[in-house]
Structures are given as C-alpha cells and as structure tokens.
C-alpha cells in the first residue's frame, strides 16, 4: 500500500461567496475574502518552498506509512 501526501495551498478566493458564520478563520464578518495582505501567487510560492524544504521529512513519513500502515488505522470506521 502506498500513501502519499498531497498539499494544496488555500487561497482567500477559495472561500469567497460563502456565508461567514464566524467559524472560518480566512474571513472576518463583513469581509468577502481573506486578509488583504494574502497574495495568491505568494501562497503558491510559499507552498512550493515549504514542500521543497520539507521534502526529506515528507519522504521519511511516507516511507514509515508504507512500511507500518496508518497510525490508528484499526480504529477507522471508513
């Protein structure tokens, strides 16, 4: 069994048009998108840099999962 991690950078526009009930940390009441200082292109660059910087740790974790299975897998209901 091979399990790999997939990382998706969230952008403020991923949350636009949704009702804000106060539980969404990306938006504040009365604000349509996320914080104004968040740049979608910058988020992609930060995500790519994070993946590159942590590639060794991700590979080690994926190797562990492949050899040992998912932690607490026996308790999963799905």
PDB file of N, CA and C in Angstrom:
ATOM      1  N   UNK A   1       0.855  -1.181   0.000  1.00  0.00           N
ATOM      2  CA  UNK A   1       0.000   0.000   0.000  1.00  0.00           C
ATOM      3  C   UNK A   1       0.890   1.229   0.000  1.00  0.00           C
ATOM      4  N   UNK A   2       0.652   2.120  -0.907  1.00  0.00           N
ATOM      5  CA  UNK A   2       1.441   3.342  -0.998  1.00  0.00           C
ATOM      6  C   UNK A   2       0.553   4.544  -0.723  1.00  0.00           C
ATOM      7  N   UNK A   3       0.930   5.332   0.259  1.00  0.00           N
ATOM      8  CA  UNK A   3       0.173   6.529   0.600  1.00  0.00           C
ATOM      9  C   UNK A   3       1.096   7.723   0.474  1.00  0.00           C
ATOM     10  N   UNK A   4       0.685   8.727  -0.256  1.00  0.00           N
ATOM     11  CA  UNK A   4       1.487   9.934  -0.393  1.00  0.00           C
ATOM     12  C   UNK A   4       0.662  11.130   0.038  1.00  0.00           C
ATOM     13  N   UNK A   5       1.350  12.130   0.527  1.00  0.00           N
ATOM     14  CA  UNK A   5       0.686  13.348   0.976  1.00  0.00           C
ATOM     15  C   UNK A   5       0.523  14.303  -0.194  1.00  0.00           C
ATOM     16  N   UNK A   6      -0.628  14.945  -0.236  1.00  0.00           N
ATOM     17  CA  UNK A   6      -0.880  15.970  -1.233  1.00  0.00           C
ATOM     18  C   UNK A   6      -1.132  17.273  -0.488  1.00  0.00           C
ATOM     19  N   UNK A   7      -0.452  18.314  -0.904  1.00  0.00           N
ATOM     20  CA  UNK A   7      -0.573  19.602  -0.234  1.00  0.00           C
ATOM     21  C   UNK A   7      -1.196  20.594  -1.191  1.00  0.00           C
ATOM     22  N   UNK A   8      -2.252  21.249  -0.765  1.00  0.00           N
ATOM     23  CA  UNK A   8      -2.904  22.268  -1.578  1.00  0.00           C
ATOM     24  C   UNK A   8      -2.864  23.568  -0.794  1.00  0.00           C
ATOM     25  N   UNK A   9      -2.335  24.593  -1.411  1.00  0.00           N
ATOM     26  CA  UNK A   9      -2.311  25.898  -0.775  1.00  0.00           C
ATOM     27  C   UNK A   9      -3.695  26.512  -0.871  1.00  0.00           C
ATOM     28  N   UNK A  10      -4.257  26.897   0.269  1.00  0.00           N
ATOM     29  CA  UNK A  10      -5.557  27.558   0.268  1.00  0.00           C
ATOM     30  C   UNK A  10      -5.373  29.022  -0.058  1.00  0.00           C
ATOM     31  N   UNK A  11      -6.280  29.533  -0.830  1.00  0.00           N
ATOM     32  CA  UNK A  11      -6.246  30.941  -1.208  1.00  0.00           C
ATOM     33  C   UNK A  11      -7.500  31.613  -0.679  1.00  0.00           C
ATOM     34  N   UNK A  12      -7.432  32.924  -0.431  1.00  0.00           N
ATOM     35  CA  UNK A  12      -8.624  33.620   0.060  1.00  0.00           C
ATOM     36  C   UNK A  12      -9.827  33.455  -0.867  1.00  0.00           C
ATOM     37  N   UNK A  13      -9.599  33.399  -2.175  1.00  0.00           N
ATOM     38  CA  UNK A  13     -10.740  33.286  -3.082  1.00  0.00           C
ATOM     39  C   UNK A  13     -11.366  31.890  -3.063  1.00  0.00           C
ATOM     40  N   UNK A  14     -10.732  30.921  -2.386  1.00  0.00           N
ATOM     41  CA  UNK A  14     -11.358  29.615  -2.197  1.00  0.00           C
ATOM     42  C   UNK A  14     -12.581  29.725  -1.298  1.00  0.00           C
ATOM     43  N   UNK A  15     -12.662  30.798  -0.527  1.00  0.00           N
ATOM     44  CA  UNK A  15     -13.724  30.973   0.458  1.00  0.00           C
ATOM     45  C   UNK A  15     -14.715  32.068   0.075  1.00  0.00           C
ATOM     46  N   UNK A  16     -14.511  32.738  -1.027  1.00  0.00           N
ATOM     47  CA  UNK A  16     -15.400  33.834  -1.420  1.00  0.00           C
ATOM     48  C   UNK A  16     -16.797  33.315  -1.728  1.00  0.00           C
ATOM     49  N   UNK A  17     -17.779  34.161  -1.425  1.00  0.00           N
ATOM     50  CA  UNK A  17     -19.154  33.841  -1.741  1.00  0.00           C
ATOM     51  C   UNK A  17     -19.811  32.912  -0.742  1.00  0.00           C
ATOM     52  N   UNK A  18     -19.118  32.540   0.278  1.00  0.00           N
ATOM     53  CA  UNK A  18     -19.701  31.672   1.300  1.00  0.00           C
ATOM     54  C   UNK A  18     -20.094  32.516   2.499  1.00  0.00           C
ATOM     55  N   UNK A  19     -21.159  32.122   3.119  1.00  0.00           N
ATOM     56  CA  UNK A  19     -21.649  32.811   4.309  1.00  0.00           C
ATOM     57  C   UNK A  19     -20.615  32.664   5.426  1.00  0.00           C
ATOM     58  N   UNK A  20     -20.303  33.765   6.103  1.00  0.00           N
ATOM     59  CA  UNK A  20     -19.353  33.689   7.211  1.00  0.00           C
ATOM     60  C   UNK A  20     -20.127  33.572   8.503  1.00  0.00           C
ATOM     61  N   UNK A  21     -20.004  32.413   9.152  1.00  0.00           N
ATOM     62  CA  UNK A  21     -20.688  32.206  10.424  1.00  0.00           C
ATOM     63  C   UNK A  21     -19.732  32.391  11.604  1.00  0.00           C
ATOM     64  N   UNK A  22     -18.550  32.952  11.330  1.00  0.00           N
ATOM     65  CA  UNK A  22     -17.581  33.191  12.387  1.00  0.00           C
ATOM     66  C   UNK A  22     -16.624  32.036  12.593  1.00  0.00           C
ATOM     67  N   UNK A  23     -16.882  30.883  11.960  1.00  0.00           N
ATOM     68  CA  UNK A  23     -16.011  29.720  12.120  1.00  0.00           C
ATOM     69  C   UNK A  23     -14.897  29.672  11.091  1.00  0.00           C
ATOM     70  N   UNK A  24     -14.964  30.499  10.076  1.00  0.00           N
ATOM     71  CA  UNK A  24     -13.974  30.478   9.015  1.00  0.00           C
ATOM     72  C   UNK A  24     -12.862  31.472   9.332  1.00  0.00           C
ATOM     73  N   UNK A  25     -11.655  31.007   9.653  1.00  0.00           N
ATOM     74  CA  UNK A  25     -10.578  31.926  10.015  1.00  0.00           C
ATOM     75  C   UNK A  25     -10.057  32.742   8.834  1.00  0.00           C
ATOM     76  N   UNK A  26     -10.425  32.351   7.608  1.00  0.00           N
ATOM     77  CA  UNK A  26      -9.944  33.079   6.449  1.00  0.00           C
ATOM     78  C   UNK A  26     -10.717  34.365   6.197  1.00  0.00           C
ATOM     79  N   UNK A  27     -11.884  34.488   6.796  1.00  0.00           N
ATOM     80  CA  UNK A  27     -12.687  35.685   6.580  1.00  0.00           C
ATOM     81  C   UNK A  27     -13.158  36.245   7.904  1.00  0.00           C
ATOM     82  N   UNK A  28     -13.342  37.523   7.927  1.00  0.00           N
ATOM     83  CA  UNK A  28     -13.901  38.193   9.095  1.00  0.00           C
ATOM     84  C   UNK A  28     -15.311  38.634   8.744  1.00  0.00           C
ATOM     85  N   UNK A  29     -16.189  38.816   9.724  1.00  0.00           N
ATOM     86  CA  UNK A  29     -17.540  39.261   9.415  1.00  0.00           C
ATOM     87  C   UNK A  29     -17.515  40.525   8.558  1.00  0.00           C
ATOM     88  N   UNK A  30     -18.289  40.515   7.492  1.00  0.00           N
ATOM     89  CA  UNK A  30     -18.367  41.670   6.611  1.00  0.00           C
ATOM     90  C   UNK A  30     -17.261  41.716   5.577  1.00  0.00           C
ATOM     91  N   UNK A  31     -16.381  40.730   5.561  1.00  0.00           N
ATOM     92  CA  UNK A  31     -15.269  40.701   4.620  1.00  0.00           C
ATOM     93  C   UNK A  31     -15.507  39.550   3.653  1.00  0.00           C
ATOM     94  N   UNK A  32     -15.422  39.817   2.351  1.00  0.00           N
ATOM     95  CA  UNK A  32     -15.730  38.784   1.372  1.00  0.00           C
ATOM     96  C   UNK A  32     -14.613  37.769   1.205  1.00  0.00           C
ATOM     97  N   UNK A  33     -13.383  38.175   1.275  1.00  0.00           N
ATOM     98  CA  UNK A  33     -12.259  37.267   1.076  1.00  0.00           C
ATOM     99  C   UNK A  33     -11.422  37.181   2.325  1.00  0.00           C
ATOM    100  N   UNK A  34     -10.219  36.661   2.151  1.00  0.00           N
ATOM    101  CA  UNK A  34      -9.297  36.547   3.259  1.00  0.00           C
ATOM    102  C   UNK A  34      -8.610  37.868   3.531  1.00  0.00           C
ATOM    103  N   UNK A  35      -7.602  37.852   4.363  1.00  0.00           N
ATOM    104  CA  UNK A  35      -6.864  39.075   4.679  1.00  0.00           C
ATOM    105  C   UNK A  35      -6.307  39.723   3.416  1.00  0.00           C
ATOM    106  N   UNK A  36      -6.313  41.040   3.379  1.00  0.00           N
ATOM    107  CA  UNK A  36      -5.911  41.745   2.172  1.00  0.00           C
ATOM    108  C   UNK A  36      -4.427  41.594   1.864  1.00  0.00           C
ATOM    109  N   UNK A  37      -3.617  41.219   2.848  1.00  0.00           N
ATOM    110  CA  UNK A  37      -2.186  41.083   2.601  1.00  0.00           C
ATOM    111  C   UNK A  37      -1.814  39.693   2.054  1.00  0.00           C
ATOM    112  N   UNK A  38      -2.803  38.822   1.874  1.00  0.00           N
ATOM    113  CA  UNK A  38      -2.532  37.494   1.342  1.00  0.00           C
ATOM    114  C   UNK A  38      -2.586  37.572  -0.173  1.00  0.00           C
ATOM    115  N   UNK A  39      -1.512  37.142  -0.800  1.00  0.00           N
ATOM    116  CA  UNK A  39      -1.394  37.170  -2.249  1.00  0.00           C
ATOM    117  C   UNK A  39      -1.431  35.724  -2.724  1.00  0.00           C
ATOM    118  N   UNK A  40      -2.354  35.405  -3.631  1.00  0.00           N
ATOM    119  CA  UNK A  40      -2.497  34.023  -4.088  1.00  0.00           C
ATOM    120  C   UNK A  40      -1.198  33.499  -4.699  1.00  0.00           C
ATOM    121  N   UNK A  41      -0.514  34.326  -5.488  1.00  0.00           N
ATOM    122  CA  UNK A  41       0.748  33.902  -6.080  1.00  0.00           C
ATOM    123  C   UNK A  41       1.778  33.655  -4.987  1.00  0.00           C
ATOM    124  N   UNK A  42       1.817  34.515  -4.000  1.00  0.00           N
ATOM    125  CA  UNK A  42       2.735  34.331  -2.875  1.00  0.00           C
ATOM    126  C   UNK A  42       2.444  33.044  -2.120  1.00  0.00           C
ATOM    127  N   UNK A  43       1.159  32.695  -1.995  1.00  0.00           N
ATOM    128  CA  UNK A  43       0.792  31.462  -1.305  1.00  0.00           C
ATOM    129  C   UNK A  43       1.327  30.250  -2.071  1.00  0.00           C
ATOM    130  N   UNK A  44       1.216  30.278  -3.399  1.00  0.00           N
ATOM    131  CA  UNK A  44       1.748  29.180  -4.204  1.00  0.00           C
ATOM    132  C   UNK A  44       3.261  29.073  -4.044  1.00  0.00           C
ATOM    133  N   UNK A  45       3.932  30.216  -4.043  1.00  0.00           N
ATOM    134  CA  UNK A  45       5.388  30.216  -3.884  1.00  0.00           C
ATOM    135  C   UNK A  45       5.785  29.706  -2.509  1.00  0.00           C
ATOM    136  N   UNK A  46       5.061  30.132  -1.465  1.00  0.00           N
ATOM    137  CA  UNK A  46       5.361  29.659  -0.106  1.00  0.00           C
ATOM    138  C   UNK A  46       5.117  28.158   0.009  1.00  0.00           C
ATOM    139  N   UNK A  47       4.021  27.666  -0.609  1.00  0.00           N
ATOM    140  CA  UNK A  47       3.718  26.236  -0.561  1.00  0.00           C
ATOM    141  C   UNK A  47       4.810  25.428  -1.268  1.00  0.00           C
ATOM    142  N   UNK A  48       5.243  25.917  -2.428  1.00  0.00           N
ATOM    143  CA  UNK A  48       6.305  25.218  -3.167  1.00  0.00           C
ATOM    144  C   UNK A  48       7.607  25.222  -2.375  1.00  0.00           C
ATOM    145  N   UNK A  49       7.923  26.354  -1.750  1.00  0.00           N
ATOM    146  CA  UNK A  49       9.145  26.439  -0.946  1.00  0.00           C
ATOM    147  C   UNK A  49       9.047  25.503   0.261  1.00  0.00           C
ATOM    148  N   UNK A  50       7.869  25.475   0.919  1.00  0.00           N
ATOM    149  CA  UNK A  50       7.675  24.606   2.080  1.00  0.00           C
ATOM    150  C   UNK A  50       7.853  23.142   1.672  1.00  0.00           C
ATOM    151  N   UNK A  51       7.255  22.761   0.527  1.00  0.00           N
ATOM    152  CA  UNK A  51       7.401  21.379   0.063  1.00  0.00           C
ATOM    153  C   UNK A  51       8.857  21.034  -0.198  1.00  0.00           C
ATOM    154  N   UNK A  52       9.589  21.955  -0.808  1.00  0.00           N
ATOM    155  CA  UNK A  52      10.999  21.703  -1.102  1.00  0.00           C
ATOM    156  C   UNK A  52      11.809  21.588   0.191  1.00  0.00           C
ATOM    157  N   UNK A  53      11.562  22.498   1.135  1.00  0.00           N
ATOM    158  CA  UNK A  53      12.302  22.492   2.399  1.00  0.00           C
ATOM    159  C   UNK A  53      11.996  21.259   3.235  1.00  0.00           C
ATOM    160  N   UNK A  54      10.792  20.714   3.103  1.00  0.00           N
ATOM    161  CA  UNK A  54      10.366  19.589   3.932  1.00  0.00           C
ATOM    162  C   UNK A  54      10.275  18.277   3.163  1.00  0.00           C
ATOM    163  N   UNK A  55      10.847  18.240   1.970  1.00  0.00           N
ATOM    164  CA  UNK A  55      10.765  17.048   1.122  1.00  0.00           C
ATOM    165  C   UNK A  55      11.339  15.819   1.832  1.00  0.00           C
ATOM    166  N   UNK A  56      12.433  15.980   2.540  1.00  0.00           N
ATOM    167  CA  UNK A  56      13.047  14.839   3.225  1.00  0.00           C
ATOM    168  C   UNK A  56      12.132  14.295   4.323  1.00  0.00           C
ATOM    169  N   UNK A  57      11.539  15.179   5.116  1.00  0.00           N
ATOM    170  CA  UNK A  57      10.638  14.750   6.183  1.00  0.00           C
ATOM    171  C   UNK A  57       9.386  14.087   5.603  1.00  0.00           C
ATOM    172  N   UNK A  58       8.851  14.636   4.527  1.00  0.00           N
ATOM    173  CA  UNK A  58       7.669  14.047   3.891  1.00  0.00           C
ATOM    174  C   UNK A  58       8.000  12.664   3.355  1.00  0.00           C
ATOM    175  N   UNK A  59       9.166  12.516   2.728  1.00  0.00           N
ATOM    176  CA  UNK A  59       9.584  11.212   2.195  1.00  0.00           C
ATOM    177  C   UNK A  59       9.746  10.197   3.323  1.00  0.00           C
ATOM    178  N   UNK A  60      10.339  10.624   4.440  1.00  0.00           N
ATOM    179  CA  UNK A  60      10.510   9.716   5.593  1.00  0.00           C
ATOM    180  C   UNK A  60       9.161   9.283   6.150  1.00  0.00           C
ATOM    181  N   UNK A  61       8.226  10.227   6.262  1.00  0.00           N
ATOM    182  CA  UNK A  61       6.899   9.906   6.787  1.00  0.00           C
ATOM    183  C   UNK A  61       6.172   8.964   5.836  1.00  0.00           C
ATOM    184  N   UNK A  62       6.236   9.234   4.534  1.00  0.00           N
ATOM    185  CA  UNK A  62       5.592   8.354   3.561  1.00  0.00           C
ATOM    186  C   UNK A  62       6.191   6.962   3.602  1.00  0.00           C
ATOM    187  N   UNK A  63       7.511   6.858   3.791  1.00  0.00           N
ATOM    188  CA  UNK A  63       8.175   5.562   3.912  1.00  0.00           C
ATOM    189  C   UNK A  63       7.687   4.822   5.153  1.00  0.00           C
ATOM    190  N   UNK A  64       7.563   5.538   6.266  1.00  0.00           N
ATOM    191  CA  UNK A  64       7.065   4.943   7.505  1.00  0.00           C
ATOM    192  C   UNK A  64       5.648   4.397   7.304  1.00  0.00           C
ATOM    193  N   UNK A  65       4.792   5.191   6.669  1.00  0.00           N
ATOM    194  CA  UNK A  65       3.410   4.770   6.436  1.00  0.00           C
ATOM    195  C   UNK A  65       3.375   3.544   5.530  1.00  0.00           C
ATOM    196  N   UNK A  66       4.220   3.529   4.519  1.00  0.00           N
ATOM    197  CA  UNK A  66       4.253   2.387   3.601  1.00  0.00           C
ATOM    198  C   UNK A  66       4.676   1.109   4.320  1.00  0.00           C
ATOM    199  N   UNK A  67       5.637   1.227   5.242  1.00  0.00           N
ATOM    200  CA  UNK A  67       6.130   0.052   5.957  1.00  0.00           C
ATOM    201  C   UNK A  67       5.215  -0.366   7.104  1.00  0.00           C
ATOM    202  N   UNK A  68       4.614   0.607   7.820  1.00  0.00           N
ATOM    203  CA  UNK A  68       3.876   0.322   9.046  1.00  0.00           C
ATOM    204  C   UNK A  68       2.373   0.548   8.960  1.00  0.00           C
ATOM    205  N   UNK A  69       1.900   1.127   7.884  1.00  0.00           N
ATOM    206  CA  UNK A  69       0.474   1.449   7.778  1.00  0.00           C
ATOM    207  C   UNK A  69       0.163   2.755   8.499  1.00  0.00           C
ATOM    208  N   UNK A  70      -1.083   3.174   8.365  1.00  0.00           N
ATOM    209  CA  UNK A  70      -1.500   4.427   9.001  1.00  0.00           C
ATOM    210  C   UNK A  70      -1.629   4.248  10.504  1.00  0.00           C
ATOM    211  N   UNK A  71      -1.190   5.240  11.285  1.00  0.00           N
ATOM    212  CA  UNK A  71      -1.373   5.157  12.729  1.00  0.00           C
ATOM    213  C   UNK A  71      -2.871   5.077  13.064  1.00  0.00           C
ATOM    214  N   UNK A  72      -3.214   4.251  14.006  1.00  0.00           N
ATOM    215  CA  UNK A  72      -4.594   4.078  14.478  1.00  0.00           C
ATOM    216  C   UNK A  72      -5.542   3.598  13.385  1.00  0.00           C
ATOM    217  N   UNK A  73      -4.999   2.997  12.331  1.00  0.00           N
ATOM    218  CA  UNK A  73      -5.834   2.542  11.215  1.00  0.00           C
ATOM    219  C   UNK A  73      -6.882   1.535  11.646  1.00  0.00           C
ATOM    220  N   UNK A  74      -6.578   0.737  12.647  1.00  0.00           N
ATOM    221  CA  UNK A  74      -7.540  -0.284  13.083  1.00  0.00           C
ATOM    222  C   UNK A  74      -8.788   0.335  13.706  1.00  0.00           C
ATOM    223  N   UNK A  75      -8.752   1.606  14.054  1.00  0.00           N
ATOM    224  CA  UNK A  75      -9.901   2.261  14.665  1.00  0.00           C
ATOM    225  C   UNK A  75     -10.752   3.041  13.661  1.00  0.00           C
ATOM    226  N   UNK A  76     -10.311   3.092  12.409  1.00  0.00           N
ATOM    227  CA  UNK A  76     -11.064   3.833  11.395  1.00  0.00           C
ATOM    228  C   UNK A  76     -12.384   3.145  11.115  1.00  0.00           C
ATOM    229  N   UNK A  77     -13.420   3.969  10.913  1.00  0.00           N
ATOM    230  CA  UNK A  77     -14.754   3.431  10.637  1.00  0.00           C
ATOM    231  C   UNK A  77     -15.074   3.476   9.143  1.00  0.00           C
ATOM    232  N   UNK A  78     -14.153   3.964   8.313  1.00  0.00           N
ATOM    233  CA  UNK A  78     -14.410   4.076   6.869  1.00  0.00           C
ATOM    234  C   UNK A  78     -13.267   3.494   6.086  1.00  0.00           C
TER     235      UNK A  78
END
